[in-house]
Amino acid sequence: MTTITGVRVHDVRFPTSLTADGSDAMNKDADYSAAYVVLETDEPELAGYGFTFTIGRGNDLCVEAARQRAQPLIGRDVEELVSDLGGIYRELASDSQLRWLGPEKGVVHLALAAVMNAVWDLAARRAGKPLWRLLADMTSEQLVDVADLRYLSDVLTREEAIALLSDLEPTRDVRIAELEALGGYPCYTTSAGWLGYSDDKLRRLLQEAVDAGYHHIKLKVGENIDDDIRRLGIAREVIGWDADLMIDANQVWDVPEAITWVKRLAEFKPLWIEEPTSPDDVLGHAAVRKAVAPIGVASGEHGMNRVLFKQMFQAGALDFCQLDAARLASINEILAVYLMAKKFDVPVCPHAGGVGLCELVQHLSIFDYVAVSGSLESRVTEFVDHLHEHFTDPCVVVAGHYTLPRAPGYSAQLHPSSVAEFSYPDGAYWSETLAVSGVSPA
């Protein structure tokens, strides 16, 4: 019997604010960070790795919450754990004292995402399969068994969920072969468009993106309308009018302001406006969508749980669903959102900025095409070219496509040397930086 013997949780922070990577109208000084969970077992070379994503201060809160979330796993039989991934999710999610702090939102929900991401990674490693393949090999009934359908029966019943998956089950291998032939799953890049970049750097990175084969490129907007007009003009000059250009306001506007601002930018023909207002404002998103059409509305990276997505779908508030692999409570909740998106015919284009999110969402998007949506129409997944070198199984993007991961697991394992260097505040980088600056850890 293989047993989980311990849990280690690390506060890992990368100083991306120094180069304005990740800068937008709302978040100007992001240090991409991870509350990084390692589930240790008594079997040599077998462990589970997972994380949730933050942008610096407060990561320590997620670390402690993840440590508490993971305690019930210590001493558990790995085979029993991975054979009932729905059951262990429901057990951890039902901790009433921790739920009270959410429920199903905020730090405690981020922590559950980190822990369950590690559990799913462990399951895939145990099976010797990349996570997307583990999911694609499950029957429709098995997938629905692990999906969290609580509070969703008014829009999606268990029977409906099984039927949605069963239609595509016989042809999953056909779509895997199609992705192989295509070179992988299509992606877009945000790496050129951070708000803190100079015009010269913007122009250079846009040209590099075009040369690398990207047909979808996203820019941050929302701080100054004149700057946005100038920057989008540069973008269209470099990428032309055949490529898709997306814009992202990162929640900075009220609803009327969003409508006015997007109409000012309509001349640049953006495919979508992302996070035009508060991520919790369902009716606000619906109002923006109605007012700015045919420009689409995309949102979801801050969608706190599946119930919010249910309401977004019910209200007709989204043209593109941008679920986040480290904010929703791992595969169990993500599956529920994918199934609702399928029923409401809303394409899922996952958010993937930050540290490690690209590594995770490649699995989700591949699985979506293979087993849920069966379509690539209007679907493209975010790619940000930062920090991949810190992962033992980094995502690989060629000509604007995520190639299919081959290694077992969820691609979530960090190099031990990176953890040692960037752990906060005692890692080599931060201890030296804090000593020189005289700043106390926070």
Foldseek 3Di string as FASTA:
>chain_A
DKAFADKDWFWFWAQPQVVQFPAFQVDRGFTKIWRKMWGDIPDPPAIFIFTFIDRAPPSVVLNVLLRVLCVVRHGDDLVVCLVQVQVVLCVSLVPPVLCVVPVLFDSNQLSLLRNSQRSLQNSLVVVFFASLVVLLPDQQLVLLSNADCPPPVVQDDSVNSSVLQVVQNVCLVVVVVVQVVVQAAFAEEAQLAHPPDDLVSNLVVLLVRVVQQHLEYEHHDANDLVVVQVSLVSNCVRNPLRGAYAYEDPAPDFLVVLLVSVVSVCVSPHQEYENSHPLQPLVSLLSSQVRNPPRFYEYACNPSFLVSLSSNLVSVRGQEYAHFSSRYSHSNRVSSSLQSCQVSVHHYAYAQDGPCRVLQVSSVVSSCCSGRNVDSVVYHYYDYPPDQVQFPQGFDDGSRHTGDGGGGGRSRHGDPLSSQQRGPCRHVPNVVVCVVVVDDGD
